[in-house]
């Protein structure tokens, strides 16, 4: 596993007294030990920061996760984070259920390519857009490039810093 597609729910993050529990739904399964790896990552995080605890939930296979997430989002009970496949980005973003993000789990800088569904997101092939990095509240710059044509977002390459989370939205350029 070299990267994780992590999406933040637009309805997660309930505030309570005491430690904050961050609920993470994952699509990872038992076959390649990936689910245990997610549990191990959460345990490592939980030991580092006792005020924020990650709770890993495995709703079922990828299709069950998709359906359950949509239902929970519409009911206002979505998890705080969603670890799922790349092709969920378009439908969930278009429905305003998530902002999309990623974290590179490689120790060196690596470029990842995504296919954003232009039509589903209402983006014109020849339109001019900014990719906004939400945590740091600034436009994403990929080797100095900050303006993106719609067609470029259809095959978007991103080179994140290792082990740093990023969340994005696409806006008019």
N, C-alpha and C. Protein backbone atom coordinates (compact mmCIF):
# COMPACT_ATOMS: atom_id res chain seq x y z
N UNK A 1 0.84 -1.17 0.00
CA UNK A 1 0.00 0.00 0.00
C UNK A 1 0.89 1.23 0.00
N UNK A 2 0.68 2.14 -0.94
CA UNK A 2 1.54 3.31 -1.06
C UNK A 2 0.82 4.62 -0.86
N UNK A 3 -0.47 4.62 -0.99
CA UNK A 3 -1.22 5.85 -0.74
C UNK A 3 -2.59 5.48 -0.23
N UNK A 4 -3.19 6.40 0.43
CA UNK A 4 -4.55 6.19 0.92
C UNK A 4 -5.42 7.31 0.39
N UNK A 5 -6.56 6.93 -0.17
CA UNK A 5 -7.54 7.94 -0.56
C UNK A 5 -8.41 8.15 0.66
N UNK A 6 -8.24 9.27 1.30
CA UNK A 6 -8.98 9.58 2.51
C UNK A 6 -9.88 10.76 2.21
N UNK A 7 -11.13 10.65 2.59
CA UNK A 7 -12.08 11.71 2.35
C UNK A 7 -12.69 12.15 3.67
N UNK A 8 -12.83 13.42 3.84
CA UNK A 8 -13.44 13.95 5.06
C UNK A 8 -14.91 14.19 4.81
N UNK A 9 -15.71 13.67 5.70
CA UNK A 9 -17.15 13.88 5.60
C UNK A 9 -17.47 15.33 5.84
N UNK A 10 -18.43 15.84 5.13
CA UNK A 10 -18.83 17.23 5.35
C UNK A 10 -19.68 17.36 6.61
N UNK A 11 -20.03 16.24 7.25
CA UNK A 11 -20.87 16.30 8.44
C UNK A 11 -20.20 15.71 9.67
N UNK A 12 -18.97 15.24 9.57
CA UNK A 12 -18.30 14.62 10.71
C UNK A 12 -17.79 15.65 11.69
N UNK A 13 -17.02 15.17 12.68
CA UNK A 13 -16.36 16.06 13.61
C UNK A 13 -17.25 16.60 14.71
N UNK A 14 -18.01 15.74 15.36
CA UNK A 14 -18.85 16.18 16.47
C UNK A 14 -17.97 16.61 17.64
N UNK A 15 -18.31 17.69 18.31
CA UNK A 15 -17.54 18.20 19.43
C UNK A 15 -18.14 17.71 20.74
N UNK A 16 -17.30 17.12 21.59
CA UNK A 16 -17.72 16.64 22.90
C UNK A 16 -16.63 16.96 23.90
N UNK A 17 -16.98 16.88 25.21
CA UNK A 17 -15.98 17.07 26.25
C UNK A 17 -15.06 15.85 26.29
N UNK A 18 -13.78 16.08 26.64
CA UNK A 18 -12.84 14.96 26.73
C UNK A 18 -12.20 14.67 25.39
N UNK A 19 -11.61 13.48 25.29
CA UNK A 19 -10.95 13.13 24.03
C UNK A 19 -11.92 13.13 22.86
N UNK A 20 -11.42 13.53 21.70
CA UNK A 20 -12.21 13.54 20.48
C UNK A 20 -12.05 12.19 19.79
N UNK A 21 -13.15 11.58 19.41
CA UNK A 21 -13.10 10.33 18.65
C UNK A 21 -13.31 10.66 17.18
N UNK A 22 -12.37 10.22 16.36
CA UNK A 22 -12.43 10.40 14.92
C UNK A 22 -12.82 9.05 14.33
N UNK A 23 -14.00 8.98 13.74
CA UNK A 23 -14.47 7.72 13.16
C UNK A 23 -13.98 7.61 11.73
N UNK A 24 -13.30 6.51 11.42
CA UNK A 24 -12.76 6.24 10.09
C UNK A 24 -13.38 4.97 9.55
N UNK A 25 -14.15 5.11 8.48
CA UNK A 25 -14.66 3.93 7.78
C UNK A 25 -13.65 3.55 6.71
N UNK A 26 -13.37 2.26 6.58
CA UNK A 26 -12.39 1.81 5.60
C UNK A 26 -12.95 0.71 4.72
N UNK A 27 -12.42 0.64 3.50
CA UNK A 27 -12.81 -0.42 2.56
C UNK A 27 -11.81 -1.57 2.60
N UNK A 28 -10.72 -1.40 3.34
CA UNK A 28 -9.67 -2.42 3.34
C UNK A 28 -10.20 -3.74 3.87
N UNK A 29 -9.65 -4.83 3.33
CA UNK A 29 -10.10 -6.17 3.70
C UNK A 29 -9.01 -6.98 4.36
N UNK A 30 -9.37 -8.19 4.72
CA UNK A 30 -8.47 -9.11 5.43
C UNK A 30 -7.48 -9.80 4.51
N UNK A 31 -7.80 -9.94 3.23
CA UNK A 31 -7.03 -10.80 2.32
C UNK A 31 -5.55 -10.49 2.29
N UNK A 32 -5.17 -9.25 2.18
CA UNK A 32 -3.76 -8.89 2.08
C UNK A 32 -3.23 -8.23 3.35
N UNK A 33 -3.95 -8.43 4.46
CA UNK A 33 -3.59 -7.87 5.77
C UNK A 33 -3.71 -6.35 5.81
N UNK A 34 -4.37 -5.76 4.81
CA UNK A 34 -4.50 -4.31 4.75
C UNK A 34 -5.37 -3.77 5.88
N UNK A 35 -6.42 -4.50 6.26
CA UNK A 35 -7.28 -4.04 7.34
C UNK A 35 -6.49 -3.96 8.65
N UNK A 36 -5.69 -4.97 8.92
CA UNK A 36 -4.86 -4.95 10.13
C UNK A 36 -3.89 -3.78 10.09
N UNK A 37 -3.38 -3.49 8.90
CA UNK A 37 -2.47 -2.36 8.74
C UNK A 37 -3.17 -1.05 9.10
N UNK A 38 -4.42 -0.87 8.70
CA UNK A 38 -5.18 0.33 9.04
C UNK A 38 -5.38 0.39 10.56
N UNK A 39 -5.72 -0.74 11.17
CA UNK A 39 -5.86 -0.78 12.63
C UNK A 39 -4.54 -0.40 13.31
N UNK A 40 -3.42 -0.90 12.79
CA UNK A 40 -2.11 -0.58 13.36
C UNK A 40 -1.79 0.90 13.23
N UNK A 41 -2.12 1.51 12.07
CA UNK A 41 -1.92 2.95 11.90
C UNK A 41 -2.74 3.74 12.92
N UNK A 42 -4.00 3.34 13.08
CA UNK A 42 -4.87 4.02 14.04
C UNK A 42 -4.32 3.86 15.46
N UNK A 43 -3.87 2.67 15.82
CA UNK A 43 -3.31 2.44 17.15
C UNK A 43 -2.08 3.30 17.38
N UNK A 44 -1.22 3.40 16.36
CA UNK A 44 -0.02 4.24 16.49
C UNK A 44 -0.40 5.70 16.70
N UNK A 45 -1.38 6.18 15.94
CA UNK A 45 -1.85 7.55 16.10
C UNK A 45 -2.44 7.75 17.48
N UNK A 46 -3.24 6.80 17.94
CA UNK A 46 -3.90 6.91 19.23
C UNK A 46 -2.89 6.99 20.38
N UNK A 47 -1.76 6.33 20.24
CA UNK A 47 -0.72 6.38 21.28
C UNK A 47 0.00 7.72 21.27
N UNK A 48 0.11 8.33 20.11
CA UNK A 48 0.80 9.62 19.99
C UNK A 48 -0.05 10.75 20.55
N UNK A 49 -1.36 10.72 20.30
CA UNK A 49 -2.23 11.82 20.68
C UNK A 49 -3.45 11.30 21.44
N UNK A 50 -3.37 11.21 22.77
CA UNK A 50 -4.49 10.67 23.55
C UNK A 50 -5.74 11.55 23.52
N UNK A 51 -5.62 12.81 23.08
CA UNK A 51 -6.78 13.70 23.02
C UNK A 51 -7.59 13.51 21.74
N UNK A 52 -7.04 12.79 20.77
CA UNK A 52 -7.74 12.49 19.53
C UNK A 52 -7.55 11.00 19.26
N UNK A 53 -8.64 10.28 19.28
CA UNK A 53 -8.58 8.83 19.10
C UNK A 53 -9.31 8.42 17.82
N UNK A 54 -8.63 7.62 16.99
CA UNK A 54 -9.21 7.14 15.75
C UNK A 54 -9.87 5.79 16.00
N UNK A 55 -11.13 5.70 15.63
CA UNK A 55 -11.87 4.45 15.71
C UNK A 55 -12.09 3.94 14.29
N UNK A 56 -11.57 2.76 13.97
CA UNK A 56 -11.67 2.18 12.63
C UNK A 56 -12.93 1.31 12.56
N UNK A 57 -13.72 1.54 11.51
CA UNK A 57 -14.94 0.77 11.29
C UNK A 57 -14.87 0.19 9.89
N UNK A 58 -15.18 -1.10 9.75
CA UNK A 58 -15.21 -1.78 8.46
C UNK A 58 -16.66 -2.13 8.15
N UNK A 59 -17.38 -1.26 7.36
CA UNK A 59 -18.81 -1.50 7.10
C UNK A 59 -19.11 -2.72 6.24
N UNK A 60 -18.18 -3.20 5.46
CA UNK A 60 -18.43 -4.31 4.55
C UNK A 60 -17.54 -4.17 3.33
N UNK A 61 -17.95 -4.73 2.21
CA UNK A 61 -17.16 -4.59 1.00
C UNK A 61 -17.29 -3.16 0.45
N UNK A 62 -16.59 -2.89 -0.65
CA UNK A 62 -16.55 -1.54 -1.20
C UNK A 62 -17.96 -1.03 -1.56
N UNK A 63 -18.78 -1.89 -2.14
CA UNK A 63 -20.14 -1.46 -2.52
C UNK A 63 -20.99 -1.16 -1.30
N UNK A 64 -20.88 -1.99 -0.26
CA UNK A 64 -21.63 -1.73 0.98
C UNK A 64 -21.15 -0.44 1.63
N UNK A 65 -19.84 -0.19 1.59
CA UNK A 65 -19.31 1.05 2.14
C UNK A 65 -19.88 2.25 1.39
N UNK A 66 -19.93 2.16 0.06
CA UNK A 66 -20.47 3.26 -0.74
C UNK A 66 -21.93 3.54 -0.36
N UNK A 67 -22.74 2.50 -0.32
CA UNK A 67 -24.16 2.66 0.00
C UNK A 67 -24.36 3.16 1.43
N UNK A 68 -23.64 2.55 2.37
CA UNK A 68 -23.78 2.95 3.77
C UNK A 68 -23.33 4.39 4.00
N UNK A 69 -22.26 4.81 3.30
CA UNK A 69 -21.77 6.17 3.46
C UNK A 69 -22.78 7.18 2.92
N UNK A 70 -23.35 6.90 1.76
CA UNK A 70 -24.35 7.81 1.20
C UNK A 70 -25.55 7.92 2.14
N UNK A 71 -26.02 6.80 2.65
CA UNK A 71 -27.17 6.80 3.56
C UNK A 71 -26.85 7.56 4.84
N UNK A 72 -25.69 7.28 5.44
CA UNK A 72 -25.29 7.95 6.68
C UNK A 72 -25.10 9.45 6.45
N UNK A 73 -24.55 9.83 5.31
CA UNK A 73 -24.34 11.25 5.02
C UNK A 73 -25.66 11.99 4.91
N UNK A 74 -26.60 11.39 4.20
CA UNK A 74 -27.91 12.03 4.05
C UNK A 74 -28.66 12.11 5.38
N UNK A 75 -28.37 11.16 6.29
CA UNK A 75 -29.02 11.16 7.61
C UNK A 75 -28.26 12.02 8.63
N UNK A 76 -27.10 12.56 8.23
CA UNK A 76 -26.32 13.39 9.14
C UNK A 76 -25.49 12.59 10.13
N UNK A 77 -25.24 11.32 9.83
CA UNK A 77 -24.49 10.46 10.74
C UNK A 77 -23.24 9.87 10.08
N UNK A 78 -22.68 10.58 9.11
CA UNK A 78 -21.50 10.09 8.38
C UNK A 78 -20.28 10.02 9.29
N UNK A 79 -19.32 9.15 8.95
CA UNK A 79 -18.07 9.13 9.71
C UNK A 79 -17.26 10.40 9.43
N UNK A 80 -16.26 10.64 10.27
CA UNK A 80 -15.41 11.81 10.08
C UNK A 80 -14.49 11.64 8.87
N UNK A 81 -13.98 10.41 8.69
CA UNK A 81 -13.07 10.11 7.58
C UNK A 81 -13.52 8.85 6.87
N UNK A 82 -13.21 8.80 5.58
CA UNK A 82 -13.55 7.65 4.75
C UNK A 82 -12.32 7.25 3.96
N UNK A 83 -11.89 6.01 4.09
CA UNK A 83 -10.73 5.47 3.38
C UNK A 83 -11.29 4.52 2.34
N UNK A 84 -11.26 4.95 1.08
CA UNK A 84 -11.95 4.16 0.06
C UNK A 84 -11.23 4.26 -1.28
N UNK A 85 -11.85 3.74 -2.32
CA UNK A 85 -11.27 3.70 -3.65
C UNK A 85 -11.41 5.06 -4.34
N UNK A 86 -10.50 5.33 -5.28
CA UNK A 86 -10.46 6.62 -5.97
C UNK A 86 -11.75 6.96 -6.71
N UNK A 87 -12.46 5.95 -7.25
CA UNK A 87 -13.64 6.28 -8.06
C UNK A 87 -14.85 6.70 -7.22
N UNK A 88 -14.72 6.74 -5.91
CA UNK A 88 -15.78 7.30 -5.07
C UNK A 88 -15.66 8.82 -4.97
N UNK A 89 -14.50 9.38 -5.33
CA UNK A 89 -14.27 10.81 -5.19
C UNK A 89 -15.32 11.62 -5.95
N UNK A 90 -15.51 11.32 -7.22
CA UNK A 90 -16.43 12.11 -8.06
C UNK A 90 -17.85 12.12 -7.55
N UNK A 91 -18.48 10.96 -7.38
CA UNK A 91 -19.87 10.96 -6.94
C UNK A 91 -20.06 11.60 -5.56
N UNK A 92 -19.17 11.32 -4.62
CA UNK A 92 -19.32 11.87 -3.27
C UNK A 92 -19.07 13.37 -3.25
N UNK A 93 -18.12 13.85 -4.05
CA UNK A 93 -17.85 15.29 -4.11
C UNK A 93 -19.01 16.01 -4.79
N UNK A 94 -19.50 15.45 -5.89
CA UNK A 94 -20.61 16.07 -6.62
C UNK A 94 -21.87 16.17 -5.75
N UNK A 95 -22.05 15.22 -4.86
CA UNK A 95 -23.21 15.22 -3.97
C UNK A 95 -22.97 16.05 -2.71
N UNK A 96 -21.82 16.74 -2.65
CA UNK A 96 -21.44 17.54 -1.47
C UNK A 96 -21.41 16.71 -0.19
N UNK A 97 -21.00 15.45 -0.31
CA UNK A 97 -20.88 14.60 0.86
C UNK A 97 -19.48 14.62 1.45
N UNK A 98 -18.48 14.97 0.63
CA UNK A 98 -17.10 14.93 1.08
C UNK A 98 -16.27 16.03 0.45
N UNK A 99 -15.11 16.24 1.03
CA UNK A 99 -14.00 16.86 0.32
C UNK A 99 -13.01 15.72 0.15
N UNK A 100 -12.22 15.73 -0.90
CA UNK A 100 -11.34 14.59 -1.14
C UNK A 100 -9.91 14.93 -0.77
N UNK A 101 -9.19 13.90 -0.41
CA UNK A 101 -7.82 14.11 0.00
C UNK A 101 -6.99 12.86 -0.15
N UNK A 102 -5.73 13.00 0.18
CA UNK A 102 -4.86 11.85 0.14
C UNK A 102 -3.73 12.03 1.12
N UNK A 103 -3.10 10.91 1.45
CA UNK A 103 -1.88 10.90 2.23
C UNK A 103 -0.97 9.86 1.60
N UNK A 104 0.27 10.24 1.33
CA UNK A 104 1.23 9.30 0.76
C UNK A 104 1.85 8.51 1.90
N UNK A 105 1.85 7.22 1.77
CA UNK A 105 2.42 6.35 2.80
C UNK A 105 3.79 5.83 2.40
N UNK A 106 4.38 6.45 1.39
CA UNK A 106 5.76 6.13 1.01
C UNK A 106 6.70 7.10 1.69
N UNK A 107 7.89 6.65 2.05
CA UNK A 107 8.83 7.55 2.72
C UNK A 107 9.44 8.60 1.80
N UNK A 108 9.36 8.42 0.48
CA UNK A 108 9.90 9.39 -0.46
C UNK A 108 8.76 10.06 -1.22
N UNK A 109 9.02 11.25 -1.79
CA UNK A 109 8.01 11.92 -2.58
C UNK A 109 7.69 11.07 -3.81
N UNK A 110 6.42 10.89 -4.07
CA UNK A 110 5.95 10.07 -5.17
C UNK A 110 4.78 10.78 -5.84
N UNK A 111 4.69 10.71 -7.16
CA UNK A 111 3.59 11.32 -7.89
C UNK A 111 2.46 10.31 -8.06
N UNK A 112 1.24 10.73 -7.76
CA UNK A 112 0.04 9.92 -7.93
C UNK A 112 -0.86 10.59 -8.95
N UNK A 113 -1.56 9.80 -9.76
CA UNK A 113 -2.44 10.33 -10.79
C UNK A 113 -3.88 9.96 -10.47
N UNK A 114 -4.76 10.94 -10.58
CA UNK A 114 -6.18 10.77 -10.33
C UNK A 114 -6.96 11.18 -11.57
N UNK A 115 -8.09 10.57 -11.77
CA UNK A 115 -9.00 10.97 -12.84
C UNK A 115 -10.24 11.57 -12.21
N UNK A 116 -10.32 12.89 -12.18
CA UNK A 116 -11.51 13.54 -11.64
C UNK A 116 -12.60 13.53 -12.71
N UNK A 117 -13.81 13.15 -12.35
CA UNK A 117 -14.91 13.09 -13.32
C UNK A 117 -15.44 14.50 -13.62
N UNK A 118 -14.93 15.09 -14.70
CA UNK A 118 -15.24 16.48 -15.02
C UNK A 118 -16.74 16.73 -15.13
N UNK A 119 -17.42 15.93 -15.91
CA UNK A 119 -18.85 16.15 -16.13
C UNK A 119 -19.64 16.05 -14.83
N UNK A 120 -19.33 15.04 -14.02
CA UNK A 120 -20.04 14.84 -12.76
C UNK A 120 -19.81 16.02 -11.80
N UNK A 121 -18.61 16.62 -11.86
CA UNK A 121 -18.29 17.75 -10.99
C UNK A 121 -18.69 19.08 -11.61
N UNK A 122 -19.24 19.05 -12.83
CA UNK A 122 -19.67 20.28 -13.49
C UNK A 122 -18.51 21.13 -13.99
N UNK A 123 -17.41 20.49 -14.36
CA UNK A 123 -16.22 21.21 -14.82
C UNK A 123 -16.11 21.12 -16.34
N UNK A 124 -15.85 22.25 -16.97
CA UNK A 124 -15.70 22.28 -18.43
C UNK A 124 -14.28 21.85 -18.81
N UNK A 125 -14.18 21.10 -19.87
CA UNK A 125 -12.88 20.63 -20.37
C UNK A 125 -11.92 21.78 -20.61
N UNK A 126 -12.44 22.91 -21.11
CA UNK A 126 -11.58 24.06 -21.43
C UNK A 126 -11.65 25.15 -20.35
N UNK A 127 -12.29 24.87 -19.21
CA UNK A 127 -12.38 25.84 -18.12
C UNK A 127 -11.05 26.00 -17.39
N UNK A 128 -10.92 27.08 -16.65
CA UNK A 128 -9.72 27.39 -15.88
C UNK A 128 -10.06 27.23 -14.40
N UNK A 129 -9.28 26.44 -13.64
CA UNK A 129 -9.62 26.12 -12.26
C UNK A 129 -8.40 26.21 -11.34
N UNK A 130 -8.71 26.38 -10.06
CA UNK A 130 -7.72 26.28 -9.01
C UNK A 130 -8.02 25.01 -8.21
N UNK A 131 -6.99 24.32 -7.82
CA UNK A 131 -7.12 23.19 -6.92
C UNK A 131 -6.77 23.73 -5.54
N UNK A 132 -7.77 23.86 -4.68
CA UNK A 132 -7.56 24.49 -3.38
C UNK A 132 -7.22 23.43 -2.33
N UNK A 133 -6.12 23.65 -1.63
CA UNK A 133 -5.68 22.76 -0.58
C UNK A 133 -6.27 23.30 0.73
N UNK A 134 -7.22 22.55 1.30
CA UNK A 134 -8.07 23.08 2.35
C UNK A 134 -7.41 23.21 3.71
N UNK A 135 -6.53 22.31 4.08
CA UNK A 135 -5.91 22.38 5.40
C UNK A 135 -5.05 23.63 5.52
N UNK A 136 -4.24 23.89 4.51
CA UNK A 136 -3.33 25.03 4.54
C UNK A 136 -3.95 26.29 3.93
N UNK A 137 -5.19 26.17 3.41
CA UNK A 137 -5.97 27.29 2.88
C UNK A 137 -5.23 28.07 1.81
N UNK A 138 -4.77 27.35 0.80
CA UNK A 138 -4.05 27.99 -0.30
C UNK A 138 -4.22 27.14 -1.56
N UNK A 139 -3.97 27.74 -2.71
CA UNK A 139 -4.02 26.95 -3.95
C UNK A 139 -2.90 25.91 -3.94
N UNK A 140 -3.22 24.74 -4.48
CA UNK A 140 -2.21 23.70 -4.61
C UNK A 140 -1.24 24.10 -5.71
N UNK A 141 0.03 23.93 -5.46
CA UNK A 141 1.06 24.22 -6.45
C UNK A 141 1.83 22.95 -6.74
N UNK A 142 1.76 22.50 -7.95
CA UNK A 142 2.50 21.31 -8.37
C UNK A 142 3.68 21.78 -9.21
N UNK A 143 4.84 21.86 -8.59
CA UNK A 143 6.05 22.35 -9.24
C UNK A 143 5.82 23.72 -9.88
N UNK A 144 5.18 24.63 -9.11
CA UNK A 144 4.94 25.99 -9.55
C UNK A 144 3.65 26.20 -10.32
N UNK A 145 3.00 25.15 -10.75
CA UNK A 145 1.75 25.28 -11.51
C UNK A 145 0.58 25.38 -10.53
N UNK A 146 -0.25 26.44 -10.69
CA UNK A 146 -1.40 26.62 -9.81
C UNK A 146 -2.73 26.69 -10.56
N UNK A 147 -2.69 27.03 -11.84
CA UNK A 147 -3.91 27.10 -12.64
C UNK A 147 -4.03 25.81 -13.45
N UNK A 148 -5.23 25.25 -13.47
CA UNK A 148 -5.46 23.97 -14.14
C UNK A 148 -6.59 24.11 -15.13
N UNK A 149 -6.40 23.58 -16.31
CA UNK A 149 -7.49 23.50 -17.28
C UNK A 149 -8.31 22.26 -16.93
N UNK A 150 -9.59 22.29 -17.26
CA UNK A 150 -10.46 21.17 -16.95
C UNK A 150 -9.91 19.85 -17.43
N UNK A 151 -9.40 19.83 -18.67
CA UNK A 151 -8.84 18.59 -19.22
C UNK A 151 -7.68 18.05 -18.40
N UNK A 152 -6.91 18.94 -17.80
CA UNK A 152 -5.78 18.51 -16.96
C UNK A 152 -6.28 17.85 -15.68
N UNK A 153 -7.43 18.29 -15.18
CA UNK A 153 -7.98 17.68 -13.97
C UNK A 153 -8.52 16.28 -14.25
N UNK A 154 -8.78 15.99 -15.52
CA UNK A 154 -9.20 14.65 -15.90
C UNK A 154 -8.11 13.62 -15.72
N UNK A 155 -6.87 14.05 -15.72
CA UNK A 155 -5.70 13.20 -15.45
C UNK A 155 -4.75 14.02 -14.58
N UNK A 156 -5.11 14.21 -13.34
CA UNK A 156 -4.39 15.08 -12.42
C UNK A 156 -3.26 14.33 -11.73
N UNK A 157 -2.06 14.85 -11.80
CA UNK A 157 -0.92 14.28 -11.09
C UNK A 157 -0.58 15.16 -9.90
N UNK A 158 -0.44 14.53 -8.73
CA UNK A 158 -0.14 15.23 -7.49
C UNK A 158 1.06 14.57 -6.84
N UNK A 159 2.00 15.39 -6.34
CA UNK A 159 3.20 14.88 -5.68
C UNK A 159 3.21 15.41 -4.24
N UNK A 160 2.58 14.69 -3.32
CA UNK A 160 2.50 15.17 -1.93
C UNK A 160 3.78 14.86 -1.15
N UNK A 161 3.96 15.57 -0.05
CA UNK A 161 5.02 15.24 0.89
C UNK A 161 4.63 13.93 1.58
N UNK A 162 5.60 13.08 1.92
CA UNK A 162 5.28 11.84 2.61
C UNK A 162 4.61 12.08 3.97
N UNK A 163 3.61 11.29 4.27
CA UNK A 163 2.93 11.26 5.56
C UNK A 163 2.25 12.57 5.95
N UNK A 164 1.91 13.40 4.99
CA UNK A 164 1.23 14.67 5.25
C UNK A 164 -0.16 14.58 4.61
N UNK A 165 -1.23 14.81 5.37
CA UNK A 165 -2.56 14.75 4.78
C UNK A 165 -2.90 16.01 3.99
N UNK A 166 -3.65 15.82 2.91
CA UNK A 166 -4.11 16.92 2.07
C UNK A 166 -5.58 16.72 1.77
N UNK A 167 -6.35 17.80 1.78
CA UNK A 167 -7.75 17.76 1.36
C UNK A 167 -7.95 18.86 0.34
N UNK A 168 -8.72 18.57 -0.72
CA UNK A 168 -8.83 19.47 -1.85
C UNK A 168 -10.28 19.77 -2.22
N UNK A 169 -10.44 20.91 -2.87
CA UNK A 169 -11.67 21.22 -3.60
C UNK A 169 -11.25 21.95 -4.87
N UNK A 170 -12.08 21.88 -5.88
CA UNK A 170 -11.81 22.54 -7.15
C UNK A 170 -12.67 23.79 -7.22
N UNK A 171 -12.03 24.92 -7.56
CA UNK A 171 -12.75 26.18 -7.67
C UNK A 171 -12.40 26.89 -8.97
N UNK A 172 -13.16 27.90 -9.28
CA UNK A 172 -12.90 28.70 -10.48
C UNK A 172 -11.53 29.35 -10.38
N UNK A 173 -10.81 29.37 -11.49
CA UNK A 173 -9.45 29.94 -11.52
C UNK A 173 -9.42 31.39 -11.88
